[in-house]
N, C-alpha and C. Protein backbone atom coordinates (compact mmCIF):
# COMPACT_ATOMS: atom_id res chain seq x y z
N UNK A 1 114.41 79.00 99.82
CA UNK A 1 113.09 78.51 99.60
C UNK A 1 112.01 79.35 100.27
N UNK A 2 112.24 79.62 101.59
CA UNK A 2 111.28 80.45 102.29
C UNK A 2 111.27 81.92 101.82
N UNK A 3 112.45 82.40 101.42
CA UNK A 3 112.55 83.73 100.91
C UNK A 3 111.85 83.86 99.57
N UNK A 4 111.90 82.84 98.72
CA UNK A 4 111.15 82.85 97.41
C UNK A 4 109.67 82.88 97.69
N UNK A 5 109.21 82.06 98.60
CA UNK A 5 107.82 82.02 98.91
C UNK A 5 107.30 83.37 99.49
N UNK A 6 108.11 83.98 100.35
CA UNK A 6 107.78 85.31 100.88
C UNK A 6 107.69 86.34 99.75
N UNK A 7 108.68 86.29 98.87
CA UNK A 7 108.71 87.23 97.74
C UNK A 7 107.48 87.06 96.83
N UNK A 8 107.09 85.80 96.59
CA UNK A 8 105.89 85.54 95.76
C UNK A 8 104.66 86.06 96.41
N UNK A 9 104.59 85.93 97.76
CA UNK A 9 103.45 86.43 98.50
C UNK A 9 103.38 87.93 98.39
N UNK A 10 104.52 88.61 98.55
CA UNK A 10 104.53 90.04 98.43
C UNK A 10 104.14 90.49 97.05
N UNK A 11 104.59 89.81 96.00
CA UNK A 11 104.21 90.16 94.65
C UNK A 11 102.73 89.94 94.39
N UNK A 12 102.16 88.91 94.98
CA UNK A 12 100.73 88.65 94.84
C UNK A 12 99.92 89.73 95.50
N UNK A 13 100.41 90.13 96.68
CA UNK A 13 99.69 91.29 97.41
C UNK A 13 99.76 92.54 96.61
N UNK A 14 100.93 92.82 95.99
CA UNK A 14 101.08 94.05 95.16
C UNK A 14 100.15 94.02 93.97
N UNK A 15 99.99 92.85 93.34
CA UNK A 15 99.14 92.73 92.17
C UNK A 15 97.65 92.82 92.56
N UNK A 16 97.29 92.45 93.75
CA UNK A 16 95.91 92.39 94.22
C UNK A 16 95.66 93.24 95.44
N UNK A 17 96.05 94.51 95.36
CA UNK A 17 95.97 95.37 96.55
C UNK A 17 94.56 95.53 97.07
N UNK A 18 93.61 95.71 96.11
CA UNK A 18 92.20 95.89 96.54
C UNK A 18 91.64 94.66 97.24
N UNK A 19 91.92 93.47 96.65
CA UNK A 19 91.40 92.25 97.31
C UNK A 19 92.02 92.06 98.68
N UNK A 20 93.31 92.31 98.77
CA UNK A 20 93.98 92.14 100.04
C UNK A 20 93.46 93.12 101.07
N UNK A 21 93.34 94.39 100.70
CA UNK A 21 92.82 95.42 101.64
C UNK A 21 91.38 95.09 102.11
N UNK A 22 90.57 94.71 101.11
CA UNK A 22 89.16 94.32 101.45
C UNK A 22 89.10 93.16 102.40
N UNK A 23 89.94 92.13 102.17
CA UNK A 23 89.91 90.96 103.06
C UNK A 23 90.44 91.31 104.42
N UNK A 24 91.47 92.14 104.46
CA UNK A 24 92.07 92.54 105.76
C UNK A 24 91.03 93.39 106.57
N UNK A 25 90.37 94.34 105.90
CA UNK A 25 89.38 95.17 106.57
C UNK A 25 88.23 94.32 107.03
N UNK A 26 87.79 93.35 106.24
CA UNK A 26 86.69 92.49 106.63
C UNK A 26 87.09 91.66 107.86
N UNK A 27 88.29 91.17 107.86
CA UNK A 27 88.77 90.42 109.04
C UNK A 27 88.77 91.29 110.30
N UNK A 28 89.34 92.48 110.19
CA UNK A 28 89.36 93.38 111.33
C UNK A 28 87.97 93.75 111.82
N UNK A 29 87.05 94.03 110.92
CA UNK A 29 85.70 94.35 111.33
C UNK A 29 85.05 93.10 111.99
N UNK A 30 85.25 92.00 111.40
CA UNK A 30 84.70 90.71 112.02
C UNK A 30 85.23 90.47 113.42
N UNK A 31 86.47 90.72 113.65
CA UNK A 31 87.07 90.57 114.97
C UNK A 31 86.43 91.56 115.91
N UNK A 32 86.31 92.86 115.47
CA UNK A 32 85.69 93.86 116.31
C UNK A 32 84.23 93.48 116.69
N UNK A 33 83.46 92.98 115.68
CA UNK A 33 82.09 92.59 115.96
C UNK A 33 82.03 91.52 117.06
N UNK A 34 82.92 90.51 116.96
CA UNK A 34 82.97 89.44 117.93
C UNK A 34 83.41 89.91 119.32
N UNK A 35 84.34 90.83 119.38
CA UNK A 35 84.89 91.27 120.63
C UNK A 35 84.03 92.32 121.35
N UNK A 36 83.66 93.40 120.59
CA UNK A 36 82.97 94.52 121.24
C UNK A 36 81.49 94.65 120.84
N UNK A 37 81.04 93.94 119.90
CA UNK A 37 79.64 93.99 119.47
C UNK A 37 79.40 94.76 118.19
N UNK A 38 78.22 94.52 117.64
CA UNK A 38 77.86 95.07 116.30
C UNK A 38 77.76 96.60 116.31
N UNK A 39 77.00 97.16 117.20
CA UNK A 39 76.71 98.61 117.21
C UNK A 39 77.95 99.40 117.58
N UNK A 40 78.75 98.91 118.49
CA UNK A 40 80.03 99.62 118.81
C UNK A 40 80.95 99.62 117.58
N UNK A 41 80.94 98.52 116.90
CA UNK A 41 81.83 98.37 115.67
C UNK A 41 81.32 99.36 114.65
N UNK A 42 79.99 99.46 114.43
CA UNK A 42 79.43 100.38 113.47
C UNK A 42 79.82 101.81 113.82
N UNK A 43 79.75 102.12 115.09
CA UNK A 43 80.14 103.46 115.55
C UNK A 43 81.60 103.73 115.25
N UNK A 44 82.49 102.76 115.51
CA UNK A 44 83.91 102.95 115.22
C UNK A 44 84.14 103.18 113.74
N UNK A 45 83.50 102.36 112.90
CA UNK A 45 83.60 102.47 111.44
C UNK A 45 83.13 103.84 111.00
N UNK A 46 82.02 104.30 111.54
CA UNK A 46 81.45 105.61 111.21
C UNK A 46 82.41 106.73 111.57
N UNK A 47 82.90 106.70 112.79
CA UNK A 47 83.88 107.70 113.24
C UNK A 47 85.16 107.67 112.38
N UNK A 48 85.58 106.53 111.99
CA UNK A 48 86.81 106.40 111.15
C UNK A 48 86.53 107.01 109.80
N UNK A 49 85.36 106.76 109.20
CA UNK A 49 85.05 107.32 107.90
C UNK A 49 84.98 108.84 107.98
N UNK A 50 84.35 109.40 109.03
CA UNK A 50 84.23 110.84 109.22
C UNK A 50 85.65 111.44 109.36
N UNK A 51 86.47 110.77 110.15
CA UNK A 51 87.88 111.24 110.34
C UNK A 51 88.67 111.19 109.03
N UNK A 52 88.42 110.18 108.25
CA UNK A 52 89.13 110.11 106.93
C UNK A 52 88.69 111.22 106.02
N UNK A 53 87.39 111.47 105.98
CA UNK A 53 86.87 112.52 105.11
C UNK A 53 87.43 113.91 105.58
N UNK A 54 87.36 114.19 106.79
CA UNK A 54 87.91 115.44 107.32
C UNK A 54 89.42 115.53 107.08
N UNK A 55 90.15 114.44 107.34
CA UNK A 55 91.58 114.41 107.16
C UNK A 55 92.02 114.54 105.70
N UNK A 56 91.16 114.08 104.72
CA UNK A 56 91.55 114.14 103.38
C UNK A 56 91.34 115.53 102.80
N UNK A 57 90.56 116.37 103.43
CA UNK A 57 90.37 117.71 102.98
C UNK A 57 91.46 118.62 103.54
N UNK A 58 91.84 119.63 102.86
CA UNK A 58 92.88 120.55 103.37
C UNK A 58 92.16 121.75 103.91
N UNK A 59 91.70 121.67 105.11
CA UNK A 59 91.01 122.74 105.80
C UNK A 59 92.01 123.57 106.59
N UNK A 60 91.74 124.86 106.68
CA UNK A 60 92.42 125.73 107.54
C UNK A 60 91.79 125.78 108.90
N UNK A 61 92.35 126.41 109.90
CA UNK A 61 91.76 126.53 111.22
C UNK A 61 90.41 127.24 111.13
N UNK A 62 90.34 128.31 110.38
CA UNK A 62 89.07 129.05 110.29
C UNK A 62 87.95 128.21 109.65
N UNK A 63 88.31 127.44 108.63
CA UNK A 63 87.37 126.56 107.99
C UNK A 63 86.83 125.54 108.99
N UNK A 64 87.74 124.96 109.79
CA UNK A 64 87.31 123.93 110.77
C UNK A 64 86.39 124.58 111.82
N UNK A 65 86.72 125.80 112.28
CA UNK A 65 85.85 126.47 113.23
C UNK A 65 84.47 126.72 112.66
N UNK A 66 84.41 127.12 111.42
CA UNK A 66 83.11 127.38 110.72
C UNK A 66 82.33 126.06 110.64
N UNK A 67 82.94 124.97 110.27
CA UNK A 67 82.28 123.70 110.13
C UNK A 67 81.72 123.20 111.49
N UNK A 68 82.58 123.34 112.53
CA UNK A 68 82.18 122.91 113.84
C UNK A 68 80.94 123.75 114.36
N UNK A 69 81.05 125.06 114.16
CA UNK A 69 79.91 125.92 114.54
C UNK A 69 78.65 125.58 113.79
N UNK A 70 78.79 125.26 112.51
CA UNK A 70 77.62 124.90 111.71
C UNK A 70 77.02 123.55 112.13
N UNK A 71 77.89 122.60 112.49
CA UNK A 71 77.40 121.27 112.91
C UNK A 71 76.69 121.36 114.26
N UNK A 72 77.20 122.16 115.19
CA UNK A 72 76.65 122.21 116.52
C UNK A 72 75.78 123.44 116.85
N UNK A 73 75.36 124.18 115.76
CA UNK A 73 74.49 125.34 116.08
C UNK A 73 73.12 124.87 116.47
N UNK A 74 72.41 125.65 117.33
CA UNK A 74 71.10 125.25 117.76
C UNK A 74 70.07 125.23 116.70
N UNK A 75 70.31 125.94 115.61
CA UNK A 75 69.35 125.97 114.49
C UNK A 75 69.51 124.77 113.57
N UNK A 76 70.56 123.95 113.79
CA UNK A 76 70.84 122.83 112.93
C UNK A 76 70.40 121.53 113.57
N UNK A 77 69.28 121.50 114.21
CA UNK A 77 68.78 120.30 114.92
C UNK A 77 67.85 119.52 114.00
N UNK A 78 67.85 118.21 114.20
CA UNK A 78 66.96 117.32 113.40
C UNK A 78 65.58 117.31 113.99
């Protein structure tokens, strides 16, 4: 009985991956907001997104050095 219920739950999650992932991320972000505050949570989400973008690209060492130099060059100030 419990095994059938667990298998049905797993199948439901497989069919609705986007809904499950969105709900899970919303829950995690909500917990972070309550525990550490809004702005710290926004900073963590921002850093995570930047890390994801950098990690999803296939950069070589030289490419990463060039990007870091470009980001932190004195002529690149706001």
